[in-house]
């Protein structure tokens, strides 16, 4: 298991070597990972995506961005995957999780870019010193 995301993160299964992975049939969010330093146990995120059916996504290397993953990792045998099944989650839930991860990690193989800034209108009102509150304070 690997945790990706903000705060406590999402508990993704993996990382697993992509070339040896058989994706489960069904919806999910996935992250393509590699080790920038082969001696380290730390991973970098090269790509984030989501699918209505992971088994139909073109894994391991028929995915449209697979060449980028391989180039980033240095070899197709150095590309890893972590995935998250979202029980009861809709396509909108998966899109939101993927967008959050793309915003946080800025994976180089994603064409989409998301602003990591949090705006006050998304979570409530802002009051002094940059704090964000979901309930107004008395004036």
Foldseek 3Di string as FASTA:
>chain_A
DDAAFPDRGDDWPDFDQQQPDQDAFAKWKKWKWFDPDPVDPDIATQAIDIDRTPNPCCPPQGHPLNVVSCVVRVHSRRITMTIDDDVVDDPVRNVVSRQRRCCVRVRNSDPDHDPNDDDQVVQPHADPPRDHDNDDDDD
